[in-house]
Amino acid sequence: MKKEKYERVLAINNRLKELEDVKKEIASTTKFRLNYVYKDNEGCAEWRMKAVSNLFDKHDVMIRAEIQQEIDELNHEIETL
C-alpha cells in the first residue's frame, strides 16, 4: 500500500471513529434536542426556542441522516482503496 493510501485510510478511520462516537452519543432522541447556544456555551431559554422547536426537530433528523450518509460514504471509500 502506498503511503498516500495508508494516510488516507488512517484519516478515514479517524473520521469514522468521530462520527460513530457522535452517533452513539446522540442515539437517544429523548435526551437531546438541537438548540442555539451562546458563545459561552449557555443555551438560549427554552421558552424562547419553543417557537422554532419543530424546525430544530426537522433539522435534527436531517443531520442524523447526513452523519449516517457520511459514514456510509467513508466505508465505501475504504472498500475501494
PDB file of N, CA and C in Angstrom:
ATOM      1  N   MET A   1       0.852  -1.176   0.000  1.00  0.00           N
ATOM      2  CA  MET A   1       0.000   0.000   0.000  1.00  0.00           C
ATOM      3  C   MET A   1       0.894   1.234   0.000  1.00  0.00           C
ATOM      4  N   LYS A   2       0.582   2.145  -0.873  1.00  0.00           N
ATOM      5  CA  LYS A   2       1.362   3.373  -0.955  1.00  0.00           C
ATOM      6  C   LYS A   2       1.107   4.240   0.276  1.00  0.00           C
ATOM      7  N   LYS A   3       2.074   5.089   0.541  1.00  0.00           N
ATOM      8  CA  LYS A   3       1.996   5.963   1.714  1.00  0.00           C
ATOM      9  C   LYS A   3       0.737   6.840   1.681  1.00  0.00           C
ATOM     10  N   GLU A   4       0.394   7.351   0.502  1.00  0.00           N
ATOM     11  CA  GLU A   4      -0.785   8.226   0.382  1.00  0.00           C
ATOM     12  C   GLU A   4      -2.071   7.472   0.743  1.00  0.00           C
ATOM     13  N   LYS A   5      -2.168   6.239   0.245  1.00  0.00           N
ATOM     14  CA  LYS A   5      -3.352   5.436   0.562  1.00  0.00           C
ATOM     15  C   LYS A   5      -3.407   5.122   2.053  1.00  0.00           C
ATOM     16  N   TYR A   6      -2.263   4.780   2.620  1.00  0.00           N
ATOM     17  CA  TYR A   6      -2.201   4.467   4.049  1.00  0.00           C
ATOM     18  C   TYR A   6      -2.639   5.681   4.880  1.00  0.00           C
ATOM     19  N   GLU A   7      -2.140   6.848   4.521  1.00  0.00           N
ATOM     20  CA  GLU A   7      -2.523   8.073   5.248  1.00  0.00           C
ATOM     21  C   GLU A   7      -4.006   8.373   5.080  1.00  0.00           C
ATOM     22  N   ARG A   8      -4.537   8.111   3.890  1.00  0.00           N
ATOM     23  CA  ARG A   8      -5.970   8.334   3.658  1.00  0.00           C
ATOM     24  C   ARG A   8      -6.800   7.366   4.493  1.00  0.00           C
ATOM     25  N   VAL A   9      -6.382   6.109   4.562  1.00  0.00           N
ATOM     26  CA  VAL A   9      -7.098   5.119   5.372  1.00  0.00           C
ATOM     27  C   VAL A   9      -7.083   5.536   6.841  1.00  0.00           C
ATOM     28  N   LEU A  10      -5.942   6.017   7.324  1.00  0.00           N
ATOM     29  CA  LEU A  10      -5.875   6.498   8.713  1.00  0.00           C
ATOM     30  C   LEU A  10      -6.821   7.665   8.942  1.00  0.00           C
ATOM     31  N   ALA A  11      -6.844   8.608   7.998  1.00  0.00           N
ATOM     32  CA  ALA A  11      -7.727   9.767   8.117  1.00  0.00           C
ATOM     33  C   ALA A  11      -9.191   9.331   8.111  1.00  0.00           C
ATOM     34  N   ILE A  12      -9.529   8.399   7.227  1.00  0.00           N
ATOM     35  CA  ILE A  12     -10.908   7.901   7.160  1.00  0.00           C
ATOM     36  C   ILE A  12     -11.271   7.197   8.464  1.00  0.00           C
ATOM     37  N   ASN A  13     -10.385   6.364   8.965  1.00  0.00           N
ATOM     38  CA  ASN A  13     -10.656   5.656  10.221  1.00  0.00           C
ATOM     39  C   ASN A  13     -10.868   6.630  11.376  1.00  0.00           C
ATOM     40  N   ASN A  14     -10.060   7.681  11.432  1.00  0.00           N
ATOM     41  CA  ASN A  14     -10.242   8.690  12.487  1.00  0.00           C
ATOM     42  C   ASN A  14     -11.600   9.376  12.359  1.00  0.00           C
ATOM     43  N   ARG A  15     -11.960   9.735  11.135  1.00  0.00           N
ATOM     44  CA  ARG A  15     -13.249  10.399  10.912  1.00  0.00           C
ATOM     45  C   ARG A  15     -14.405   9.458  11.241  1.00  0.00           C
ATOM     46  N   LEU A  16     -14.287   8.203  10.846  1.00  0.00           N
ATOM     47  CA  LEU A  16     -15.323   7.223  11.162  1.00  0.00           C
ATOM     48  C   LEU A  16     -15.504   7.087  12.672  1.00  0.00           C
ATOM     49  N   LYS A  17     -14.400   7.031  13.403  1.00  0.00           N
ATOM     50  CA  LYS A  17     -14.480   6.926  14.854  1.00  0.00           C
ATOM     51  C   LYS A  17     -15.194   8.139  15.441  1.00  0.00           C
ATOM     52  N   GLU A  18     -14.837   9.332  14.963  1.00  0.00           N
ATOM     53  CA  GLU A  18     -15.500  10.551  15.438  1.00  0.00           C
ATOM     54  C   GLU A  18     -17.003  10.496  15.183  1.00  0.00           C
ATOM     55  N   LEU A  19     -17.373  10.133  13.955  1.00  0.00           N
ATOM     56  CA  LEU A  19     -18.790  10.092  13.590  1.00  0.00           C
ATOM     57  C   LEU A  19     -19.543   9.018  14.371  1.00  0.00           C
ATOM     58  N   GLU A  20     -18.939   7.843  14.530  1.00  0.00           N
ATOM     59  CA  GLU A  20     -19.589   6.773  15.287  1.00  0.00           C
ATOM     60  C   GLU A  20     -19.762   7.173  16.753  1.00  0.00           C
ATOM     61  N   ASP A  21     -18.774   7.868  17.314  1.00  0.00           N
ATOM     62  CA  ASP A  21     -18.884   8.336  18.700  1.00  0.00           C
ATOM     63  C   ASP A  21     -20.024   9.333  18.861  1.00  0.00           C
ATOM     64  N   VAL A  22     -20.130  10.260  17.911  1.00  0.00           N
ATOM     65  CA  VAL A  22     -21.223  11.244  17.955  1.00  0.00           C
ATOM     66  C   VAL A  22     -22.560  10.539  17.789  1.00  0.00           C
ATOM     67  N   LYS A  23     -22.620   9.633  16.820  1.00  0.00           N
ATOM     68  CA  LYS A  23     -23.866   8.897  16.567  1.00  0.00           C
ATOM     69  C   LYS A  23     -24.317   8.144  17.819  1.00  0.00           C
ATOM     70  N   LYS A  24     -23.373   7.497  18.495  1.00  0.00           N
ATOM     71  CA  LYS A  24     -23.690   6.770  19.718  1.00  0.00           C
ATOM     72  C   LYS A  24     -24.144   7.736  20.827  1.00  0.00           C
ATOM     73  N   GLU A  25     -23.455   8.861  20.935  1.00  0.00           N
ATOM     74  CA  GLU A  25     -23.774   9.842  21.978  1.00  0.00           C
ATOM     75  C   GLU A  25     -25.183  10.412  21.817  1.00  0.00           C
ATOM     76  N   ILE A  26     -25.595  10.668  20.579  1.00  0.00           N
ATOM     77  CA  ILE A  26     -26.899  11.298  20.345  1.00  0.00           C
ATOM     78  C   ILE A  26     -27.982  10.295  19.968  1.00  0.00           C
ATOM     79  N   ALA A  27     -27.703   9.011  20.139  1.00  0.00           N
ATOM     80  CA  ALA A  27     -28.643   7.969  19.710  1.00  0.00           C
ATOM     81  C   ALA A  27     -30.029   8.139  20.335  1.00  0.00           C
ATOM     82  N   SER A  28     -30.078   8.581  21.560  1.00  0.00           N
ATOM     83  CA  SER A  28     -31.369   8.742  22.231  1.00  0.00           C
ATOM     84  C   SER A  28     -31.973  10.103  21.880  1.00  0.00           C
ATOM     85  N   THR A  29     -33.015  10.087  21.078  1.00  0.00           N
ATOM     86  CA  THR A  29     -33.655  11.345  20.700  1.00  0.00           C
ATOM     87  C   THR A  29     -34.403  11.970  21.867  1.00  0.00           C
ATOM     88  N   THR A  30     -34.652  11.186  22.917  1.00  0.00           N
ATOM     89  CA  THR A  30     -35.373  11.745  24.056  1.00  0.00           C
ATOM     90  C   THR A  30     -34.462  12.554  24.972  1.00  0.00           C
ATOM     91  N   LYS A  31     -33.147  12.337  24.866  1.00  0.00           N
ATOM     92  CA  LYS A  31     -32.221  13.049  25.729  1.00  0.00           C
ATOM     93  C   LYS A  31     -31.658  14.321  25.098  1.00  0.00           C
ATOM     94  N   PHE A  32     -31.702  14.415  23.766  1.00  0.00           N
ATOM     95  CA  PHE A  32     -31.062  15.521  23.081  1.00  0.00           C
ATOM     96  C   PHE A  32     -32.031  16.256  22.180  1.00  0.00           C
ATOM     97  N   ARG A  33     -31.751  17.541  22.005  1.00  0.00           N
ATOM     98  CA  ARG A  33     -32.533  18.379  21.115  1.00  0.00           C
ATOM     99  C   ARG A  33     -31.634  19.498  20.624  1.00  0.00           C
ATOM    100  N   LEU A  34     -31.757  19.832  19.352  1.00  0.00           N
ATOM    101  CA  LEU A  34     -30.983  20.944  18.829  1.00  0.00           C
ATOM    102  C   LEU A  34     -31.421  22.233  19.500  1.00  0.00           C
ATOM    103  N   ASN A  35     -30.488  23.156  19.612  1.00  0.00           N
ATOM    104  CA  ASN A  35     -30.766  24.434  20.252  1.00  0.00           C
ATOM    105  C   ASN A  35     -29.669  25.409  19.865  1.00  0.00           C
ATOM    106  N   TYR A  36     -29.955  26.673  19.942  1.00  0.00           N
ATOM    107  CA  TYR A  36     -28.912  27.672  19.781  1.00  0.00           C
ATOM    108  C   TYR A  36     -28.191  27.826  21.108  1.00  0.00           C
ATOM    109  N   VAL A  37     -26.896  28.039  21.007  1.00  0.00           N
ATOM    110  CA  VAL A  37     -26.078  28.182  22.205  1.00  0.00           C
ATOM    111  C   VAL A  37     -25.246  29.447  22.062  1.00  0.00           C
ATOM    112  N   TYR A  38     -25.182  30.220  23.131  1.00  0.00           N
ATOM    113  CA  TYR A  38     -24.324  31.401  23.138  1.00  0.00           C
ATOM    114  C   TYR A  38     -22.866  30.976  23.097  1.00  0.00           C
ATOM    115  N   LYS A  39     -21.994  31.878  22.754  1.00  0.00           N
ATOM    116  CA  LYS A  39     -20.573  31.539  22.640  1.00  0.00           C
ATOM    117  C   LYS A  39     -19.973  31.076  23.964  1.00  0.00           C
ATOM    118  N   ASP A  40     -20.604  31.376  25.072  1.00  0.00           N
ATOM    119  CA  ASP A  40     -20.108  30.894  26.368  1.00  0.00           C
ATOM    120  C   ASP A  40     -20.717  29.534  26.725  1.00  0.00           C
ATOM    121  N   ASN A  41     -21.337  28.882  25.733  1.00  0.00           N
ATOM    122  CA  ASN A  41     -21.947  27.552  25.858  1.00  0.00           C
ATOM    123  C   ASN A  41     -23.200  27.520  26.713  1.00  0.00           C
ATOM    124  N   GLU A  42     -23.763  28.643  27.004  1.00  0.00           N
ATOM    125  CA  GLU A  42     -25.043  28.656  27.712  1.00  0.00           C
ATOM    126  C   GLU A  42     -26.155  28.676  26.674  1.00  0.00           C
ATOM    127  N   GLY A  43     -27.125  27.796  26.847  1.00  0.00           N
ATOM    128  CA  GLY A  43     -28.209  27.679  25.877  1.00  0.00           C
ATOM    129  C   GLY A  43     -29.220  28.809  25.978  1.00  0.00           C
ATOM    130  N   CYS A  44     -29.896  29.051  24.874  1.00  0.00           N
ATOM    131  CA  CYS A  44     -30.986  30.021  24.876  1.00  0.00           C
ATOM    132  C   CYS A  44     -32.127  29.483  25.741  1.00  0.00           C
ATOM    133  N   ALA A  45     -32.931  30.384  26.233  1.00  0.00           N
ATOM    134  CA  ALA A  45     -34.046  29.995  27.093  1.00  0.00           C
ATOM    135  C   ALA A  45     -34.998  29.058  26.344  1.00  0.00           C
ATOM    136  N   GLU A  46     -35.408  27.994  27.035  1.00  0.00           N
ATOM    137  CA  GLU A  46     -36.284  27.003  26.412  1.00  0.00           C
ATOM    138  C   GLU A  46     -37.590  27.629  25.940  1.00  0.00           C
ATOM    139  N   TRP A  47     -38.154  28.516  26.719  1.00  0.00           N
ATOM    140  CA  TRP A  47     -39.426  29.135  26.336  1.00  0.00           C
ATOM    141  C   TRP A  47     -39.277  29.938  25.049  1.00  0.00           C
ATOM    142  N   ARG A  48     -38.114  30.469  24.810  1.00  0.00           N
ATOM    143  CA  ARG A  48     -37.894  31.258  23.600  1.00  0.00           C
ATOM    144  C   ARG A  48     -37.759  30.341  22.379  1.00  0.00           C
ATOM    145  N   MET A  49     -37.175  29.183  22.573  1.00  0.00           N
ATOM    146  CA  MET A  49     -36.918  28.259  21.464  1.00  0.00           C
ATOM    147  C   MET A  49     -38.156  27.458  21.073  1.00  0.00           C
ATOM    148  N   LYS A  50     -39.187  27.430  21.920  1.00  0.00           N
ATOM    149  CA  LYS A  50     -40.395  26.668  21.596  1.00  0.00           C
ATOM    150  C   LYS A  50     -41.019  27.105  20.277  1.00  0.00           C
ATOM    151  N   ALA A  51     -40.840  28.371  19.927  1.00  0.00           N
ATOM    152  CA  ALA A  51     -41.421  28.890  18.689  1.00  0.00           C
ATOM    153  C   ALA A  51     -40.813  28.242  17.448  1.00  0.00           C
ATOM    154  N   VAL A  52     -39.600  27.704  17.566  1.00  0.00           N
ATOM    155  CA  VAL A  52     -38.941  27.095  16.419  1.00  0.00           C
ATOM    156  C   VAL A  52     -38.569  25.641  16.680  1.00  0.00           C
ATOM    157  N   SER A  53     -39.152  25.040  17.695  1.00  0.00           N
ATOM    158  CA  SER A  53     -38.772  23.670  18.057  1.00  0.00           C
ATOM    159  C   SER A  53     -39.051  22.684  16.931  1.00  0.00           C
ATOM    160  N   ASN A  54     -40.115  22.898  16.166  1.00  0.00           N
ATOM    161  CA  ASN A  54     -40.403  21.987  15.052  1.00  0.00           C
ATOM    162  C   ASN A  54     -39.316  22.065  13.983  1.00  0.00           C
ATOM    163  N   LEU A  55     -38.742  23.244  13.784  1.00  0.00           N
ATOM    164  CA  LEU A  55     -37.638  23.377  12.832  1.00  0.00           C
ATOM    165  C   LEU A  55     -36.390  22.653  13.328  1.00  0.00           C
ATOM    166  N   PHE A  56     -36.101  22.796  14.616  1.00  0.00           N
ATOM    167  CA  PHE A  56     -34.958  22.094  15.191  1.00  0.00           C
ATOM    168  C   PHE A  56     -35.127  20.581  15.039  1.00  0.00           C
ATOM    169  N   ASP A  57     -36.323  20.082  15.318  1.00  0.00           N
ATOM    170  CA  ASP A  57     -36.567  18.639  15.213  1.00  0.00           C
ATOM    171  C   ASP A  57     -36.403  18.147  13.779  1.00  0.00           C
ATOM    172  N   LYS A  58     -36.895  18.919  12.818  1.00  0.00           N
ATOM    173  CA  LYS A  58     -36.772  18.544  11.409  1.00  0.00           C
ATOM    174  C   LYS A  58     -35.297  18.486  11.008  1.00  0.00           C
ATOM    175  N   HIS A  59     -34.539  19.478  11.410  1.00  0.00           N
ATOM    176  CA  HIS A  59     -33.129  19.519  11.046  1.00  0.00           C
ATOM    177  C   HIS A  59     -32.315  18.486  11.812  1.00  0.00           C
ATOM    178  N   ASP A  60     -32.742  18.130  12.998  1.00  0.00           N
ATOM    179  CA  ASP A  60     -32.083  17.070  13.751  1.00  0.00           C
ATOM    180  C   ASP A  60     -32.152  15.762  12.973  1.00  0.00           C
ATOM    181  N   VAL A  61     -33.313  15.463  12.433  1.00  0.00           N
ATOM    182  CA  VAL A  61     -33.476  14.246  11.637  1.00  0.00           C
ATOM    183  C   VAL A  61     -32.567  14.306  10.410  1.00  0.00           C
ATOM    184  N   MET A  62     -32.495  15.454   9.777  1.00  0.00           N
ATOM    185  CA  MET A  62     -31.653  15.611   8.594  1.00  0.00           C
ATOM    186  C   MET A  62     -30.175  15.467   8.948  1.00  0.00           C
ATOM    187  N   ILE A  63     -29.750  16.031  10.054  1.00  0.00           N
ATOM    188  CA  ILE A  63     -28.346  15.950  10.473  1.00  0.00           C
ATOM    189  C   ILE A  63     -27.973  14.511  10.790  1.00  0.00           C
ATOM    190  N   ARG A  64     -28.846  13.798  11.497  1.00  0.00           N
ATOM    191  CA  ARG A  64     -28.577  12.389  11.790  1.00  0.00           C
ATOM    192  C   ARG A  64     -28.436  11.581  10.502  1.00  0.00           C
ATOM    193  N   ALA A  65     -29.273  11.880   9.514  1.00  0.00           N
ATOM    194  CA  ALA A  65     -29.193  11.187   8.226  1.00  0.00           C
ATOM    195  C   ALA A  65     -27.882  11.533   7.505  1.00  0.00           C
ATOM    196  N   GLU A  66     -27.451  12.784   7.607  1.00  0.00           N
ATOM    197  CA  GLU A  66     -26.186  13.179   6.988  1.00  0.00           C
ATOM    198  C   GLU A  66     -24.997  12.500   7.653  1.00  0.00           C
ATOM    199  N   ILE A  67     -25.059  12.344   8.964  1.00  0.00           N
ATOM    200  CA  ILE A  67     -23.994  11.628   9.672  1.00  0.00           C
ATOM    201  C   ILE A  67     -23.908  10.210   9.147  1.00  0.00           C
ATOM    202  N   GLN A  68     -25.044   9.541   9.034  1.00  0.00           N
ATOM    203  CA  GLN A  68     -25.055   8.165   8.531  1.00  0.00           C
ATOM    204  C   GLN A  68     -24.589   8.105   7.087  1.00  0.00           C
ATOM    205  N   GLN A  69     -24.983   9.072   6.284  1.00  0.00           N
ATOM    206  CA  GLN A  69     -24.572   9.107   4.878  1.00  0.00           C
ATOM    207  C   GLN A  69     -23.050   9.247   4.775  1.00  0.00           C
ATOM    208  N   GLU A  70     -22.460  10.123   5.594  1.00  0.00           N
ATOM    209  CA  GLU A  70     -21.010  10.272   5.561  1.00  0.00           C
ATOM    210  C   GLU A  70     -20.311   8.985   6.005  1.00  0.00           C
ATOM    211  N   ILE A  71     -20.844   8.327   7.021  1.00  0.00           N
ATOM    212  CA  ILE A  71     -20.288   7.045   7.470  1.00  0.00           C
ATOM    213  C   ILE A  71     -20.328   6.035   6.324  1.00  0.00           C
ATOM    214  N   ASP A  72     -21.456   5.944   5.647  1.00  0.00           N
ATOM    215  CA  ASP A  72     -21.599   5.005   4.535  1.00  0.00           C
ATOM    216  C   ASP A  72     -20.618   5.320   3.401  1.00  0.00           C
ATOM    217  N   GLU A  73     -20.466   6.611   3.086  1.00  0.00           N
ATOM    218  CA  GLU A  73     -19.548   7.012   2.019  1.00  0.00           C
ATOM    219  C   GLU A  73     -18.097   6.695   2.391  1.00  0.00           C
ATOM    220  N   LEU A  74     -17.725   6.934   3.627  1.00  0.00           N
ATOM    221  CA  LEU A  74     -16.359   6.643   4.066  1.00  0.00           C
ATOM    222  C   LEU A  74     -16.084   5.134   4.066  1.00  0.00           C
ATOM    223  N   ASN A  75     -17.067   4.361   4.498  1.00  0.00           N
ATOM    224  CA  ASN A  75     -16.907   2.896   4.450  1.00  0.00           C
ATOM    225  C   ASN A  75     -16.739   2.413   3.000  1.00  0.00           C
ATOM    226  N   HIS A  76     -17.514   2.987   2.105  1.00  0.00           N
ATOM    227  CA  HIS A  76     -17.391   2.633   0.692  1.00  0.00           C
ATOM    228  C   HIS A  76     -16.012   3.020   0.151  1.00  0.00           C
ATOM    229  N   GLU A  77     -15.523   4.186   0.552  1.00  0.00           N
ATOM    230  CA  GLU A  77     -14.200   4.619   0.092  1.00  0.00           C
ATOM    231  C   GLU A  77     -13.111   3.659   0.585  1.00  0.00           C
ATOM    232  N   ILE A  78     -13.223   3.217   1.826  1.00  0.00           N
ATOM    233  CA  ILE A  78     -12.248   2.261   2.347  1.00  0.00           C
ATOM    234  C   ILE A  78     -12.287   0.963   1.535  1.00  0.00           C
ATOM    235  N   GLU A  79     -13.476   0.511   1.187  1.00  0.00           N
ATOM    236  CA  GLU A  79     -13.611  -0.717   0.400  1.00  0.00           C
ATOM    237  C   GLU A  79     -12.934  -0.584  -0.969  1.00  0.00           C
ATOM    238  N   THR A  80     -12.977   0.606  -1.539  1.00  0.00           N
ATOM    239  CA  THR A  80     -12.405   0.804  -2.875  1.00  0.00           C
ATOM    240  C   THR A  80     -10.909   1.052  -2.833  1.00  0.00           C
ATOM    241  N   LEU A  81     -10.358   1.369  -1.665  1.00  0.00           N
ATOM    242  CA  LEU A  81      -8.900   1.568  -1.570  1.00  0.00           C
ATOM    243  C   LEU A  81      -8.230   0.268  -1.520  1.00  0.00           C
TER     244      LEU A  81
END
